[in-house]
Amino acid sequence: MTTPPTLDVTQLLLDWSKGNRGASDKLMPLVYDELRRVAQNYLSHERQDHTLQATALVHEAYLKLVDQTSVDWRGRAHFFGLASQMMRHILVDHARRHQAAKRGGMAQRLTLVEVVSFPEQKDFDLVALDEALTRLAQFDPQQSRIVEMRFFGGLTIEETATAVGVSVATLNREWRMAKAWLLRELTIER
């Protein structure tokens, strides 16, 4: 699979920011396959009876993205960073509804090392990860955003660095610190 030309995506995002609503229609075919790949990759590690499909996740996230009227799009990485944030919220809301239906659920806790490496194991506690990311965001919003983009959005180190606006070296340092903090948080009994 080839990734969409960065310049085409970036130009469409800039046009969209300037009020050209037709740009969002042209954007979807360029980013759809990549958004679907990210969604499929994530959902392939969910429980077997997961009711949310990759197509539905992509469509729901995209609908939320096109409703964004005040975003000053800075490029492809920014778009996928925001898409990862949308997917995170959709997946966490879905997990919360599922756990509520099971009266608290019995999701298994995994370490961050297992979570970030996209484990083969199913049913990790997405809600616990979301709660830990929310706590991390209280004192380091950038680290929380980095984890969100890498885990939920599937962005590379370089793409995440561009989206956040830092060097690759800084991003790597922040990524390591965020993983260590989350590892501690997710292994502490609450």
N, C-alpha and C. Protein backbone atom coordinates (compact mmCIF):
# COMPACT_ATOMS: atom_id res chain seq x y z
N MET A 1 0.85 -1.18 0.00
CA MET A 1 0.00 0.00 0.00
C MET A 1 0.88 1.24 0.00
N THR A 2 0.53 2.19 -0.80
CA THR A 2 1.28 3.44 -0.82
C THR A 2 0.55 4.46 0.03
N THR A 3 1.32 5.32 0.65
CA THR A 3 0.69 6.38 1.46
C THR A 3 0.33 7.53 0.53
N PRO A 4 -0.67 8.31 0.90
CA PRO A 4 -1.08 9.42 0.05
C PRO A 4 0.03 10.45 -0.05
N PRO A 5 0.15 11.09 -1.20
CA PRO A 5 1.17 12.14 -1.33
C PRO A 5 0.96 13.22 -0.27
N THR A 6 1.99 13.47 0.50
CA THR A 6 1.90 14.43 1.59
C THR A 6 1.50 15.81 1.10
N LEU A 7 2.05 16.22 -0.03
CA LEU A 7 1.74 17.56 -0.53
C LEU A 7 0.27 17.69 -0.92
N ASP A 8 -0.29 16.65 -1.55
CA ASP A 8 -1.71 16.69 -1.92
C ASP A 8 -2.59 16.79 -0.69
N VAL A 9 -2.31 15.95 0.31
CA VAL A 9 -3.09 15.97 1.55
C VAL A 9 -2.94 17.31 2.25
N THR A 10 -1.72 17.79 2.35
CA THR A 10 -1.47 19.06 3.01
C THR A 10 -2.20 20.20 2.30
N GLN A 11 -2.13 20.23 0.97
CA GLN A 11 -2.80 21.30 0.22
C GLN A 11 -4.31 21.25 0.43
N LEU A 12 -4.88 20.05 0.41
CA LEU A 12 -6.32 19.93 0.64
C LEU A 12 -6.70 20.39 2.06
N LEU A 13 -5.85 20.06 3.03
CA LEU A 13 -6.12 20.50 4.40
C LEU A 13 -6.05 22.02 4.52
N LEU A 14 -5.08 22.62 3.84
CA LEU A 14 -4.97 24.09 3.85
C LEU A 14 -6.19 24.72 3.18
N ASP A 15 -6.61 24.14 2.05
CA ASP A 15 -7.81 24.64 1.37
C ASP A 15 -9.03 24.51 2.27
N TRP A 16 -9.12 23.40 2.97
CA TRP A 16 -10.24 23.16 3.89
C TRP A 16 -10.23 24.22 5.00
N SER A 17 -9.04 24.51 5.53
CA SER A 17 -8.91 25.52 6.58
C SER A 17 -9.39 26.89 6.12
N LYS A 18 -9.24 27.14 4.82
CA LYS A 18 -9.64 28.43 4.26
C LYS A 18 -11.12 28.47 3.90
N GLY A 19 -11.85 27.40 4.25
CA GLY A 19 -13.29 27.40 4.04
C GLY A 19 -13.77 26.64 2.81
N ASN A 20 -12.89 26.01 2.09
CA ASN A 20 -13.27 25.23 0.91
C ASN A 20 -13.79 23.87 1.37
N ARG A 21 -15.11 23.76 1.53
CA ARG A 21 -15.73 22.51 2.03
C ARG A 21 -15.57 21.37 1.03
N GLY A 22 -15.39 21.68 -0.25
CA GLY A 22 -15.17 20.65 -1.25
C GLY A 22 -13.84 19.93 -1.06
N ALA A 23 -12.89 20.60 -0.40
CA ALA A 23 -11.58 19.99 -0.15
C ALA A 23 -11.72 18.75 0.73
N SER A 24 -12.67 18.77 1.68
CA SER A 24 -12.84 17.59 2.56
C SER A 24 -13.35 16.40 1.76
N ASP A 25 -14.16 16.65 0.73
CA ASP A 25 -14.64 15.56 -0.12
C ASP A 25 -13.50 14.94 -0.92
N LYS A 26 -12.56 15.77 -1.36
CA LYS A 26 -11.41 15.27 -2.12
C LYS A 26 -10.40 14.59 -1.20
N LEU A 27 -10.39 14.99 0.06
CA LEU A 27 -9.43 14.45 1.03
C LEU A 27 -9.74 12.99 1.38
N MET A 28 -11.00 12.67 1.54
CA MET A 28 -11.36 11.34 2.00
C MET A 28 -10.74 10.21 1.18
N PRO A 29 -10.80 10.24 -0.15
CA PRO A 29 -10.19 9.14 -0.90
C PRO A 29 -8.67 9.03 -0.68
N LEU A 30 -8.03 10.15 -0.39
CA LEU A 30 -6.57 10.13 -0.19
C LEU A 30 -6.17 9.56 1.16
N VAL A 31 -7.00 9.72 2.18
CA VAL A 31 -6.62 9.29 3.53
C VAL A 31 -7.38 8.05 4.00
N TYR A 32 -8.40 7.65 3.28
CA TYR A 32 -9.27 6.57 3.75
C TYR A 32 -8.50 5.27 3.99
N ASP A 33 -7.69 4.85 3.04
CA ASP A 33 -6.98 3.58 3.19
C ASP A 33 -6.06 3.59 4.41
N GLU A 34 -5.40 4.70 4.64
CA GLU A 34 -4.51 4.77 5.80
C GLU A 34 -5.29 4.79 7.11
N LEU A 35 -6.39 5.54 7.15
CA LEU A 35 -7.23 5.54 8.35
C LEU A 35 -7.79 4.14 8.60
N ARG A 36 -8.19 3.46 7.56
CA ARG A 36 -8.74 2.10 7.70
C ARG A 36 -7.65 1.13 8.18
N ARG A 37 -6.43 1.28 7.67
CA ARG A 37 -5.33 0.42 8.10
C ARG A 37 -5.08 0.60 9.60
N VAL A 38 -5.08 1.84 10.05
CA VAL A 38 -4.86 2.12 11.47
C VAL A 38 -5.99 1.49 12.30
N ALA A 39 -7.22 1.67 11.84
CA ALA A 39 -8.37 1.11 12.57
C ALA A 39 -8.32 -0.41 12.57
N GLN A 40 -8.01 -1.02 11.44
CA GLN A 40 -7.93 -2.48 11.37
C GLN A 40 -6.82 -3.02 12.26
N ASN A 41 -5.69 -2.36 12.23
CA ASN A 41 -4.58 -2.80 13.06
C ASN A 41 -4.96 -2.76 14.53
N TYR A 42 -5.59 -1.69 14.94
CA TYR A 42 -6.00 -1.59 16.33
C TYR A 42 -7.06 -2.64 16.67
N LEU A 43 -8.09 -2.73 15.85
CA LEU A 43 -9.19 -3.64 16.15
C LEU A 43 -8.81 -5.10 16.02
N SER A 44 -7.74 -5.41 15.30
CA SER A 44 -7.31 -6.80 15.19
C SER A 44 -6.82 -7.34 16.53
N HIS A 45 -6.56 -6.45 17.46
CA HIS A 45 -6.09 -6.85 18.79
C HIS A 45 -7.17 -6.75 19.84
N GLU A 46 -8.38 -6.53 19.42
CA GLU A 46 -9.52 -6.46 20.34
C GLU A 46 -10.11 -7.86 20.50
N ARG A 47 -11.06 -7.98 21.39
CA ARG A 47 -11.72 -9.26 21.62
C ARG A 47 -12.43 -9.71 20.34
N GLN A 48 -12.62 -11.02 20.22
CA GLN A 48 -13.22 -11.59 19.01
C GLN A 48 -14.63 -11.10 18.75
N ASP A 49 -15.40 -10.86 19.82
CA ASP A 49 -16.80 -10.46 19.65
C ASP A 49 -16.99 -8.95 19.63
N HIS A 50 -15.92 -8.22 19.36
CA HIS A 50 -16.00 -6.76 19.31
C HIS A 50 -17.00 -6.35 18.23
N THR A 51 -17.93 -5.48 18.59
CA THR A 51 -18.99 -5.12 17.66
C THR A 51 -18.65 -3.93 16.77
N LEU A 52 -17.61 -3.20 17.09
CA LEU A 52 -17.22 -2.07 16.27
C LEU A 52 -16.27 -2.55 15.18
N GLN A 53 -16.60 -2.27 13.94
CA GLN A 53 -15.78 -2.68 12.81
C GLN A 53 -14.90 -1.51 12.36
N ALA A 54 -13.81 -1.83 11.68
CA ALA A 54 -12.86 -0.80 11.22
C ALA A 54 -13.54 0.25 10.35
N THR A 55 -14.40 -0.19 9.45
CA THR A 55 -15.10 0.76 8.56
C THR A 55 -15.94 1.74 9.38
N ALA A 56 -16.65 1.22 10.36
CA ALA A 56 -17.49 2.09 11.19
C ALA A 56 -16.63 3.05 12.00
N LEU A 57 -15.51 2.58 12.51
CA LEU A 57 -14.61 3.43 13.28
C LEU A 57 -14.06 4.56 12.41
N VAL A 58 -13.63 4.23 11.20
CA VAL A 58 -13.10 5.24 10.28
C VAL A 58 -14.18 6.26 9.94
N HIS A 59 -15.36 5.77 9.61
CA HIS A 59 -16.44 6.68 9.21
C HIS A 59 -16.85 7.60 10.36
N GLU A 60 -16.96 7.04 11.55
CA GLU A 60 -17.34 7.86 12.69
C GLU A 60 -16.28 8.91 12.99
N ALA A 61 -15.01 8.51 12.94
CA ALA A 61 -13.92 9.46 13.18
C ALA A 61 -13.90 10.53 12.09
N TYR A 62 -14.09 10.13 10.84
CA TYR A 62 -14.05 11.09 9.75
C TYR A 62 -15.20 12.09 9.84
N LEU A 63 -16.38 11.59 10.22
CA LEU A 63 -17.52 12.50 10.39
C LEU A 63 -17.23 13.55 11.46
N LYS A 64 -16.57 13.13 12.53
CA LYS A 64 -16.20 14.08 13.57
C LYS A 64 -15.15 15.06 13.07
N LEU A 65 -14.25 14.59 12.22
CA LEU A 65 -13.21 15.46 11.67
C LEU A 65 -13.79 16.51 10.73
N VAL A 66 -14.73 16.12 9.87
CA VAL A 66 -15.28 17.09 8.93
C VAL A 66 -16.18 18.10 9.62
N ASP A 67 -16.63 17.77 10.83
CA ASP A 67 -17.42 18.74 11.60
C ASP A 67 -16.54 19.81 12.24
N GLN A 68 -15.23 19.60 12.22
CA GLN A 68 -14.30 20.57 12.80
C GLN A 68 -14.25 21.78 11.86
N THR A 69 -14.74 22.90 12.32
CA THR A 69 -14.78 24.09 11.46
C THR A 69 -13.70 25.10 11.81
N SER A 70 -13.15 25.00 13.00
CA SER A 70 -12.19 26.02 13.41
C SER A 70 -10.76 25.48 13.50
N VAL A 71 -10.49 24.35 12.86
CA VAL A 71 -9.15 23.78 12.92
C VAL A 71 -8.27 24.45 11.87
N ASP A 72 -7.10 24.86 12.30
CA ASP A 72 -6.11 25.41 11.37
C ASP A 72 -5.18 24.26 11.00
N TRP A 73 -5.54 23.52 9.97
CA TRP A 73 -4.79 22.33 9.59
C TRP A 73 -3.37 22.71 9.20
N ARG A 74 -2.40 21.98 9.77
CA ARG A 74 -0.99 22.26 9.48
C ARG A 74 -0.37 21.20 8.58
N GLY A 75 -1.09 20.17 8.27
CA GLY A 75 -0.55 19.14 7.38
C GLY A 75 -1.06 17.76 7.72
N ARG A 76 -0.50 16.81 6.99
CA ARG A 76 -0.91 15.41 7.09
C ARG A 76 -0.76 14.86 8.51
N ALA A 77 0.40 15.09 9.15
CA ALA A 77 0.64 14.57 10.50
C ALA A 77 -0.36 15.16 11.50
N HIS A 78 -0.67 16.44 11.36
CA HIS A 78 -1.65 17.09 12.23
C HIS A 78 -3.02 16.43 12.05
N PHE A 79 -3.39 16.18 10.81
CA PHE A 79 -4.67 15.53 10.51
C PHE A 79 -4.74 14.15 11.16
N PHE A 80 -3.70 13.33 10.96
CA PHE A 80 -3.71 11.99 11.53
C PHE A 80 -3.61 12.02 13.05
N GLY A 81 -2.95 13.04 13.60
CA GLY A 81 -2.94 13.20 15.05
C GLY A 81 -4.33 13.45 15.60
N LEU A 82 -5.07 14.33 14.94
CA LEU A 82 -6.44 14.60 15.37
C LEU A 82 -7.34 13.39 15.12
N ALA A 83 -7.11 12.69 14.03
CA ALA A 83 -7.88 11.47 13.74
C ALA A 83 -7.64 10.43 14.83
N SER A 84 -6.39 10.32 15.30
CA SER A 84 -6.10 9.36 16.36
C SER A 84 -6.81 9.74 17.65
N GLN A 85 -6.91 11.04 17.90
CA GLN A 85 -7.63 11.50 19.08
C GLN A 85 -9.11 11.14 18.97
N MET A 86 -9.69 11.35 17.80
CA MET A 86 -11.10 11.00 17.58
C MET A 86 -11.31 9.50 17.76
N MET A 87 -10.41 8.70 17.18
CA MET A 87 -10.55 7.23 17.30
C MET A 87 -10.43 6.81 18.76
N ARG A 88 -9.51 7.45 19.49
CA ARG A 88 -9.37 7.12 20.91
C ARG A 88 -10.68 7.33 21.64
N HIS A 89 -11.30 8.48 21.44
CA HIS A 89 -12.55 8.78 22.14
C HIS A 89 -13.66 7.80 21.74
N ILE A 90 -13.72 7.48 20.48
CA ILE A 90 -14.74 6.54 20.01
C ILE A 90 -14.52 5.17 20.63
N LEU A 91 -13.27 4.68 20.61
CA LEU A 91 -12.97 3.36 21.15
C LEU A 91 -13.18 3.30 22.66
N VAL A 92 -12.78 4.34 23.35
CA VAL A 92 -12.96 4.35 24.81
C VAL A 92 -14.44 4.41 25.16
N ASP A 93 -15.21 5.24 24.46
CA ASP A 93 -16.66 5.28 24.71
C ASP A 93 -17.28 3.92 24.46
N HIS A 94 -16.85 3.26 23.41
CA HIS A 94 -17.36 1.93 23.09
C HIS A 94 -16.99 0.94 24.19
N ALA A 95 -15.75 1.00 24.66
CA ALA A 95 -15.30 0.10 25.73
C ALA A 95 -16.06 0.36 27.03
N ARG A 96 -16.31 1.62 27.33
CA ARG A 96 -17.08 1.95 28.54
C ARG A 96 -18.49 1.39 28.47
N ARG A 97 -19.11 1.55 27.30
CA ARG A 97 -20.47 1.00 27.14
C ARG A 97 -20.46 -0.51 27.29
N HIS A 98 -19.44 -1.16 26.73
CA HIS A 98 -19.34 -2.62 26.83
C HIS A 98 -19.14 -3.05 28.28
N GLN A 99 -18.25 -2.34 29.00
CA GLN A 99 -18.02 -2.69 30.40
C GLN A 99 -19.25 -2.44 31.25
N ALA A 100 -19.96 -1.36 30.97
CA ALA A 100 -21.17 -1.08 31.72
C ALA A 100 -22.21 -2.17 31.48
N ALA A 101 -22.28 -2.65 30.27
CA ALA A 101 -23.22 -3.72 29.94
C ALA A 101 -22.87 -5.00 30.68
N LYS A 102 -21.61 -5.18 30.98
CA LYS A 102 -21.18 -6.39 31.70
C LYS A 102 -21.01 -6.10 33.20
N ARG A 103 -21.59 -5.01 33.66
CA ARG A 103 -21.51 -4.61 35.08
C ARG A 103 -20.06 -4.54 35.58
N GLY A 104 -19.32 -3.69 34.92
CA GLY A 104 -17.94 -3.48 35.36
C GLY A 104 -16.93 -4.19 34.50
N GLY A 105 -17.36 -5.18 33.74
CA GLY A 105 -16.45 -5.88 32.83
C GLY A 105 -15.32 -6.58 33.55
N MET A 106 -14.68 -7.46 32.85
CA MET A 106 -13.56 -8.21 33.40
C MET A 106 -12.35 -8.06 32.50
N ALA A 107 -12.16 -6.89 31.95
CA ALA A 107 -11.04 -6.66 31.05
C ALA A 107 -9.73 -6.91 31.79
N GLN A 108 -8.81 -7.50 31.08
CA GLN A 108 -7.53 -7.85 31.66
C GLN A 108 -6.56 -6.69 31.54
N ARG A 109 -5.84 -6.40 32.61
CA ARG A 109 -4.86 -5.32 32.57
C ARG A 109 -3.56 -5.86 31.98
N LEU A 110 -2.95 -5.04 31.13
CA LEU A 110 -1.65 -5.36 30.56
C LEU A 110 -0.70 -4.23 30.89
N THR A 111 0.58 -4.53 30.81
CA THR A 111 1.56 -3.48 31.00
C THR A 111 1.60 -2.62 29.75
N LEU A 112 2.15 -1.42 29.89
CA LEU A 112 2.25 -0.53 28.74
C LEU A 112 3.12 -1.13 27.65
N VAL A 113 4.16 -1.86 28.05
CA VAL A 113 5.02 -2.49 27.05
C VAL A 113 4.18 -3.40 26.17
N GLU A 114 3.27 -4.16 26.76
CA GLU A 114 2.40 -5.04 25.99
C GLU A 114 1.40 -4.22 25.17
N VAL A 115 0.85 -3.17 25.74
CA VAL A 115 -0.14 -2.36 25.04
C VAL A 115 0.47 -1.65 23.85
N VAL A 116 1.59 -0.97 24.06
CA VAL A 116 2.19 -0.16 23.00
C VAL A 116 2.71 -1.03 21.87
N SER A 117 3.09 -2.27 22.17
CA SER A 117 3.60 -3.14 21.11
C SER A 117 2.48 -3.89 20.40
N PHE A 118 1.24 -3.49 20.61
CA PHE A 118 0.08 -4.11 19.98
C PHE A 118 0.10 -5.62 20.20
N PRO A 119 -0.23 -6.06 21.40
CA PRO A 119 -0.13 -7.46 21.75
C PRO A 119 -1.11 -8.33 20.97
N GLU A 120 -0.79 -9.59 20.92
CA GLU A 120 -1.71 -10.57 20.33
C GLU A 120 -2.85 -10.85 21.31
N GLN A 121 -2.61 -10.59 22.57
CA GLN A 121 -3.61 -10.83 23.60
C GLN A 121 -4.80 -9.91 23.42
N LYS A 122 -5.98 -10.42 23.65
CA LYS A 122 -7.21 -9.64 23.47
C LYS A 122 -7.67 -9.06 24.80
N ASP A 123 -8.63 -8.14 24.72
CA ASP A 123 -9.35 -7.62 25.87
C ASP A 123 -8.50 -6.87 26.89
N PHE A 124 -7.48 -6.13 26.46
CA PHE A 124 -6.79 -5.32 27.45
C PHE A 124 -7.73 -4.19 27.86
N ASP A 125 -7.44 -3.57 28.96
CA ASP A 125 -8.34 -2.59 29.54
C ASP A 125 -8.12 -1.21 28.92
N LEU A 126 -8.84 -0.95 27.85
CA LEU A 126 -8.75 0.32 27.13
C LEU A 126 -9.18 1.48 28.02
N VAL A 127 -10.15 1.25 28.86
CA VAL A 127 -10.63 2.30 29.76
C VAL A 127 -9.52 2.67 30.75
N ALA A 128 -8.80 1.68 31.27
CA ALA A 128 -7.70 1.97 32.19
C ALA A 128 -6.61 2.77 31.49
N LEU A 129 -6.31 2.43 30.23
CA LEU A 129 -5.32 3.19 29.48
C LEU A 129 -5.80 4.63 29.28
N ASP A 130 -7.07 4.79 28.94
CA ASP A 130 -7.61 6.14 28.74
C ASP A 130 -7.54 6.94 30.04
N GLU A 131 -7.89 6.32 31.15
CA GLU A 131 -7.84 7.03 32.44
C GLU A 131 -6.41 7.42 32.79
N ALA A 132 -5.46 6.52 32.50
CA ALA A 132 -4.05 6.84 32.76
C ALA A 132 -3.58 7.98 31.85
N LEU A 133 -4.01 7.97 30.59
CA LEU A 133 -3.64 9.06 29.68
C LEU A 133 -4.24 10.39 30.14
N THR A 134 -5.44 10.33 30.68
CA THR A 134 -6.07 11.55 31.19
C THR A 134 -5.28 12.09 32.38
N ARG A 135 -4.83 11.20 33.27
CA ARG A 135 -4.00 11.63 34.41
C ARG A 135 -2.67 12.20 33.90
N LEU A 136 -2.07 11.54 32.91
CA LEU A 136 -0.81 12.03 32.35
C LEU A 136 -1.00 13.42 31.75
N ALA A 137 -2.12 13.63 31.08
CA ALA A 137 -2.40 14.93 30.44
C ALA A 137 -2.52 16.05 31.45
N GLN A 138 -2.87 15.73 32.70
CA GLN A 138 -3.01 16.76 33.72
C GLN A 138 -1.69 17.43 34.03
N PHE A 139 -0.59 16.68 33.95
CA PHE A 139 0.69 17.32 34.25
C PHE A 139 1.63 17.35 33.05
N ASP A 140 1.34 16.59 31.99
CA ASP A 140 2.16 16.68 30.78
C ASP A 140 1.30 16.38 29.56
N PRO A 141 0.56 17.39 29.09
CA PRO A 141 -0.34 17.19 27.95
C PRO A 141 0.39 16.71 26.69
N GLN A 142 1.61 17.16 26.50
CA GLN A 142 2.34 16.76 25.31
C GLN A 142 2.65 15.26 25.32
N GLN A 143 3.07 14.72 26.45
CA GLN A 143 3.35 13.29 26.51
C GLN A 143 2.08 12.48 26.29
N SER A 144 0.98 12.92 26.84
CA SER A 144 -0.29 12.24 26.63
C SER A 144 -0.66 12.24 25.15
N ARG A 145 -0.46 13.37 24.51
CA ARG A 145 -0.78 13.49 23.08
C ARG A 145 0.13 12.58 22.25
N ILE A 146 1.39 12.47 22.64
CA ILE A 146 2.33 11.61 21.93
C ILE A 146 1.88 10.15 21.99
N VAL A 147 1.52 9.69 23.18
CA VAL A 147 1.04 8.31 23.32
C VAL A 147 -0.22 8.11 22.48
N GLU A 148 -1.10 9.07 22.54
CA GLU A 148 -2.36 9.00 21.78
C GLU A 148 -2.08 8.85 20.29
N MET A 149 -1.19 9.67 19.77
CA MET A 149 -0.89 9.62 18.33
C MET A 149 -0.18 8.33 17.94
N ARG A 150 0.74 7.88 18.78
CA ARG A 150 1.48 6.66 18.46
C ARG A 150 0.60 5.43 18.61
N PHE A 151 -0.14 5.34 19.71
CA PHE A 151 -0.93 4.13 19.97
C PHE A 151 -2.23 4.11 19.18
N PHE A 152 -3.03 5.15 19.29
CA PHE A 152 -4.33 5.16 18.63
C PHE A 152 -4.23 5.53 17.16
N GLY A 153 -3.31 6.42 16.84
CA GLY A 153 -3.22 6.88 15.46
C GLY A 153 -2.23 6.12 14.61
N GLY A 154 -1.34 5.36 15.24
CA GLY A 154 -0.38 4.59 14.48
C GLY A 154 0.67 5.45 13.78
N LEU A 155 0.85 6.69 14.23
CA LEU A 155 1.83 7.57 13.60
C LEU A 155 3.24 7.11 13.94
N THR A 156 4.15 7.32 13.01
CA THR A 156 5.55 7.00 13.26
C THR A 156 6.15 8.05 14.19
N ILE A 157 7.36 7.78 14.64
CA ILE A 157 8.07 8.75 15.47
C ILE A 157 8.21 10.08 14.72
N GLU A 158 8.60 10.00 13.45
CA GLU A 158 8.81 11.21 12.66
C GLU A 158 7.51 11.99 12.45
N GLU A 159 6.41 11.27 12.14
CA GLU A 159 5.12 11.93 11.94
C GLU A 159 4.63 12.58 13.23
N THR A 160 4.84 11.89 14.34
CA THR A 160 4.41 12.43 15.63
C THR A 160 5.23 13.66 15.98
N ALA A 161 6.53 13.61 15.73
CA ALA A 161 7.39 14.77 16.01
C ALA A 161 6.92 15.97 15.20
N THR A 162 6.57 15.75 13.94
CA THR A 162 6.08 16.84 13.10
C THR A 162 4.77 17.39 13.64
N ALA A 163 3.85 16.50 14.01
CA ALA A 163 2.54 16.93 14.51
C ALA A 163 2.66 17.72 15.81
N VAL A 164 3.57 17.28 16.68
CA VAL A 164 3.74 17.94 17.97
C VAL A 164 4.61 19.20 17.84
N GLY A 165 5.46 19.22 16.82
CA GLY A 165 6.31 20.38 16.60
C GLY A 165 7.61 20.33 17.37
N VAL A 166 8.17 19.12 17.52
CA VAL A 166 9.44 18.96 18.22
C VAL A 166 10.38 18.14 17.35
N SER A 167 11.64 18.08 17.74
CA SER A 167 12.62 17.28 17.01
C SER A 167 12.38 15.81 17.29
N VAL A 168 12.92 14.96 16.44
CA VAL A 168 12.80 13.51 16.62
C VAL A 168 13.46 13.09 17.94
N ALA A 169 14.60 13.69 18.26
CA ALA A 169 15.30 13.36 19.51
C ALA A 169 14.43 13.71 20.73
N THR A 170 13.81 14.88 20.70
CA THR A 170 12.92 15.29 21.79
C THR A 170 11.73 14.35 21.88
N LEU A 171 11.17 14.02 20.72
CA LEU A 171 10.01 13.11 20.70
C LEU A 171 10.38 11.76 21.30
N ASN A 172 11.55 11.22 20.93
CA ASN A 172 11.98 9.93 21.48
C ASN A 172 12.11 9.99 22.99
N ARG A 173 12.67 11.07 23.50
CA ARG A 173 12.83 11.24 24.95
C ARG A 173 11.46 11.31 25.64
N GLU A 174 10.56 12.13 25.08
CA GLU A 174 9.21 12.26 25.64
C GLU A 174 8.45 10.93 25.58
N TRP A 175 8.60 10.21 24.49
CA TRP A 175 7.94 8.90 24.30
C TRP A 175 8.42 7.90 25.36
N ARG A 176 9.74 7.86 25.59
CA ARG A 176 10.27 6.95 26.62
C ARG A 176 9.75 7.32 28.01
N MET A 177 9.73 8.61 28.32
CA MET A 177 9.24 9.04 29.63
C MET A 177 7.76 8.73 29.80
N ALA A 178 6.99 8.97 28.76
CA ALA A 178 5.54 8.69 28.83
C ALA A 178 5.29 7.20 29.03
N LYS A 179 6.03 6.36 28.30
CA LYS A 179 5.85 4.91 28.46
C LYS A 179 6.20 4.46 29.87
N ALA A 180 7.29 5.00 30.42
CA ALA A 180 7.69 4.63 31.78
C ALA A 180 6.64 5.06 32.80
N TRP A 181 6.12 6.28 32.64
CA TRP A 181 5.10 6.77 33.57
C TRP A 181 3.84 5.91 33.47
N LEU A 182 3.40 5.62 32.24
CA LEU A 182 2.19 4.82 32.07
C LEU A 182 2.38 3.39 32.55
N LEU A 183 3.56 2.83 32.35
CA LEU A 183 3.85 1.49 32.84
C LEU A 183 3.64 1.43 34.35
N ARG A 184 4.16 2.44 35.03
CA ARG A 184 3.98 2.51 36.49
C ARG A 184 2.50 2.65 36.84
N GLU A 185 1.81 3.54 36.17
CA GLU A 185 0.39 3.79 36.45
C GLU A 185 -0.47 2.57 36.19
N LEU A 186 -0.19 1.85 35.12
CA LEU A 186 -1.05 0.72 34.76
C LEU A 186 -0.75 -0.54 35.57
N THR A 187 0.38 -0.56 36.25
CA THR A 187 0.71 -1.73 37.07
C THR A 187 0.39 -1.50 38.54
N ILE A 188 0.07 -0.27 38.93
CA ILE A 188 -0.32 0.04 40.30
C ILE A 188 -1.78 -0.37 40.49
N GLU A 189 -2.05 -1.08 41.54
CA GLU A 189 -3.45 -1.43 41.85
C GLU A 189 -4.20 -0.20 42.27
N ARG A 190 -5.32 0.05 41.65
CA ARG A 190 -6.15 1.21 41.98
C ARG A 190 -7.41 0.73 42.60
